[in-house]
Amino acid sequence: MGIIIHISYLLLGLAFTAIYFGDFQESRISVLMNTLFLTSGSLVLIALFLVGFNLVKKDFYGFFKSKQFVIFLYLASLSLFVILFAPFSATRHILLIIPFILLLGHELIDKTTHGLKMLSMGTALLLGLLLGISDWKYADFYRNMSIQELPVGNTTWTVGQWGWKWYAQKISNH
């Protein structure tokens, strides 16, 4: 597990560096992201199988009567749904399974070293901050596009929803 964690951090660092300093085409990044999504989905399925196997091996009938079985069932079904049926990978899909991972894996988390816990917390904070900045920049696109100069005295039609619709209506009323 430690090797997988270190390799994951190494790959994450390399990806950040390559994207920041490199000249990547969107098609290459899409292939990379799809590969990472399928790989992480496969790892989740393997981990679920191993956890389920170990829980069943300890006490076959007791596991199916325990609260852990319910947590495991929720985790497995949500994970399978996201991996098999989600049309695209999104953070909101992954967020659904995190509470169940924490509930089911509390014993492993307790055994983890303090340094690894701090590294995990720091990574979660950094990725959360970067995701927030990314979402803000993405949403800000609508405001910036709507304030571009439109022809005066002409009828202008816009197509869109949410932010674009709101900003387009606001700018057309002035």
Protein backbone atom coordinates (compact mmCIF):
# COMPACT_ATOMS: atom_id res chain seq x y z
CA MET A 1 0.00 0.00 0.00
CA GLY A 2 2.88 2.35 0.83
CA ILE A 3 4.43 1.77 -2.58
CA ILE A 4 1.13 2.53 -4.32
CA ILE A 5 0.75 5.75 -2.30
CA HIS A 6 4.28 6.91 -3.11
CA ILE A 7 3.89 6.07 -6.80
CA SER A 8 0.56 7.96 -6.85
CA TYR A 9 2.16 11.07 -5.36
CA LEU A 10 5.07 10.81 -7.77
CA LEU A 11 2.69 10.53 -10.75
CA LEU A 12 0.60 13.42 -9.45
CA GLY A 13 3.69 15.60 -9.12
CA LEU A 14 4.90 14.62 -12.58
CA ALA A 15 1.48 15.35 -14.07
CA PHE A 16 1.36 18.82 -12.47
CA THR A 17 4.87 19.58 -13.67
CA ALA A 18 4.26 18.28 -17.19
CA ILE A 19 0.98 20.16 -17.58
CA TYR A 20 2.39 23.39 -16.16
CA PHE A 21 5.60 23.43 -18.20
CA GLY A 22 4.57 21.34 -21.19
CA ASP A 23 2.64 22.01 -24.34
CA PHE A 24 -0.07 19.36 -24.22
CA GLN A 25 -2.77 18.74 -26.74
CA GLU A 26 -6.26 18.22 -25.39
CA SER A 27 -6.51 14.79 -26.99
CA ARG A 28 -3.43 13.58 -25.10
CA ILE A 29 -4.77 14.87 -21.80
CA SER A 30 -8.15 13.20 -22.50
CA VAL A 31 -6.44 9.87 -23.14
CA LEU A 32 -4.42 10.30 -19.93
CA MET A 33 -7.49 11.22 -17.88
CA ASN A 34 -9.53 8.31 -19.28
CA THR A 35 -6.68 5.94 -18.49
CA LEU A 36 -6.37 7.31 -14.95
CA PHE A 37 -10.14 7.06 -14.46
CA LEU A 38 -10.22 3.43 -15.58
CA THR A 39 -7.12 2.60 -13.55
CA SER A 40 -8.45 4.18 -10.38
CA GLY A 41 -11.83 2.52 -10.94
CA SER A 42 -10.11 -0.83 -11.32
CA LEU A 43 -8.11 -0.22 -8.14
CA VAL A 44 -11.31 0.62 -6.27
CA LEU A 45 -12.91 -2.60 -7.48
CA ILE A 46 -9.83 -4.64 -6.50
CA ALA A 47 -9.70 -2.95 -3.09
CA LEU A 48 -13.42 -3.58 -2.55
CA PHE A 49 -12.97 -7.22 -3.47
CA LEU A 50 -10.02 -7.61 -1.08
CA VAL A 51 -11.79 -5.83 1.78
CA GLY A 52 -14.95 -7.84 1.22
CA PHE A 53 -13.00 -11.09 0.99
CA ASN A 54 -11.12 -10.36 4.23
CA LEU A 55 -14.34 -9.43 6.07
CA VAL A 56 -16.12 -12.57 4.84
CA LYS A 57 -13.09 -14.74 5.66
CA LYS A 58 -13.07 -13.57 9.30
CA ASP A 59 -16.71 -14.44 9.99
CA PHE A 60 -18.85 -15.45 7.02
CA TYR A 61 -22.32 -15.30 8.57
CA GLY A 62 -21.42 -12.60 11.07
CA PHE A 63 -20.32 -10.25 8.28
CA PHE A 64 -23.70 -10.45 6.51
CA LYS A 65 -25.46 -9.62 9.78
CA SER A 66 -23.11 -6.74 10.69
CA LYS A 67 -23.30 -3.01 10.08
CA GLN A 68 -20.11 -3.34 8.06
CA PHE A 69 -22.02 -5.32 5.44
CA VAL A 70 -24.46 -2.42 4.94
CA ILE A 71 -21.57 0.03 4.60
CA PHE A 72 -19.78 -2.35 2.23
CA LEU A 73 -22.95 -2.76 0.16
CA TYR A 74 -23.41 1.02 -0.18
CA LEU A 75 -19.74 1.49 -1.05
CA ALA A 76 -19.73 -1.31 -3.62
CA SER A 77 -22.97 -0.28 -5.31
CA LEU A 78 -22.10 3.43 -5.51
CA SER A 79 -18.61 2.60 -6.79
CA LEU A 80 -19.97 0.24 -9.44
CA PHE A 81 -22.53 2.82 -10.51
CA VAL A 82 -19.90 5.54 -10.92
CA ILE A 83 -17.43 3.25 -12.68
CA LEU A 84 -19.94 1.62 -15.03
CA PHE A 85 -22.63 4.23 -15.67
CA ALA A 86 -21.29 7.74 -15.04
CA PRO A 87 -21.03 9.47 -18.43
CA PHE A 88 -17.91 11.34 -17.33
CA SER A 89 -15.67 11.45 -14.30
CA ALA A 90 -16.54 14.25 -11.93
CA THR A 91 -15.64 15.10 -8.38
CA ARG A 92 -19.28 15.00 -7.32
CA HIS A 93 -19.43 11.32 -8.30
CA ILE A 94 -16.44 10.40 -6.16
CA LEU A 95 -17.62 12.42 -3.17
CA LEU A 96 -20.55 10.03 -2.72
CA ILE A 97 -18.31 7.11 -1.74
CA ILE A 98 -15.85 8.90 0.56
CA PRO A 99 -17.93 8.60 3.78
CA PHE A 100 -18.31 4.86 3.24
CA ILE A 101 -14.59 4.43 2.55
CA LEU A 102 -13.82 6.26 5.80
CA LEU A 103 -16.34 4.20 7.79
CA LEU A 104 -15.17 0.89 6.37
CA GLY A 105 -11.46 1.69 6.45
CA HIS A 106 -11.22 3.28 9.90
CA GLU A 107 -8.97 0.48 11.19
CA LEU A 108 -6.48 1.05 8.36
CA ILE A 109 -6.60 4.80 8.92
CA ASP A 110 -5.85 4.29 12.64
CA LYS A 111 -2.78 2.20 11.74
CA THR A 112 -1.42 4.82 9.33
CA THR A 113 1.59 6.87 10.38
CA HIS A 114 1.17 10.49 11.41
CA GLY A 115 3.31 11.65 8.48
CA LEU A 116 1.13 9.88 5.94
CA LYS A 117 -2.01 11.28 7.53
CA MET A 118 -0.56 14.81 7.31
CA LEU A 119 0.52 14.22 3.70
CA SER A 120 -2.96 12.98 2.84
CA MET A 121 -4.58 15.96 4.56
CA GLY A 122 -2.26 18.40 2.80
CA THR A 123 -2.92 16.79 -0.57
CA ALA A 124 -6.68 16.89 0.00
CA LEU A 125 -6.48 20.58 0.95
CA LEU A 126 -4.28 21.42 -2.05
CA LEU A 127 -6.48 19.54 -4.52
CA GLY A 128 -9.61 21.07 -2.98
CA LEU A 129 -8.14 24.55 -3.33
CA LEU A 130 -7.07 23.91 -6.93
CA LEU A 131 -10.50 22.51 -7.75
CA GLY A 132 -12.16 25.59 -6.26
CA ILE A 133 -9.94 27.91 -8.30
CA SER A 134 -10.62 25.87 -11.42
CA ASP A 135 -14.39 25.98 -10.87
CA TRP A 136 -14.27 29.73 -10.25
CA LYS A 137 -12.29 30.33 -13.46
CA TYR A 138 -14.64 28.10 -15.41
CA ALA A 139 -17.74 29.86 -14.05
CA ASP A 140 -16.16 33.28 -14.60
CA PHE A 141 -16.03 32.53 -18.32
CA TYR A 142 -19.74 33.34 -18.65
CA ARG A 143 -19.38 36.76 -17.06
CA ASN A 144 -16.37 37.63 -19.18
CA MET A 145 -17.99 36.51 -22.42
CA SER A 146 -21.22 38.39 -21.73
CA ILE A 147 -19.52 41.75 -21.31
CA GLN A 148 -17.98 41.68 -24.75
CA GLU A 149 -19.21 44.50 -26.92
CA LEU A 150 -22.47 43.65 -28.64
CA PRO A 151 -23.82 45.51 -31.68
CA VAL A 152 -25.87 48.54 -30.60
CA GLY A 153 -29.41 48.87 -31.91
CA ASN A 154 -29.63 45.29 -33.10
CA THR A 155 -31.54 42.36 -31.70
CA THR A 156 -29.22 39.82 -30.11
CA TRP A 157 -30.18 36.23 -29.37
CA THR A 158 -28.30 34.01 -27.00
CA VAL A 159 -28.57 30.34 -26.28
CA GLY A 160 -27.57 28.83 -22.96
CA GLN A 161 -28.47 28.19 -19.39
CA TRP A 162 -27.44 29.09 -15.87
CA GLY A 163 -24.67 31.67 -15.72
CA TRP A 164 -24.62 32.48 -19.41
CA LYS A 165 -28.38 33.10 -19.53
CA TRP A 166 -28.30 35.31 -16.44
CA TYR A 167 -25.38 37.43 -17.63
CA ALA A 168 -26.69 37.70 -21.20
CA GLN A 169 -30.08 38.93 -19.95
CA LYS A 170 -28.39 41.36 -17.59
CA ILE A 171 -26.22 42.86 -20.33
CA SER A 172 -29.13 43.06 -22.83
CA ASN A 173 -31.24 45.05 -20.32
CA HIS A 174 -28.69 47.87 -20.26
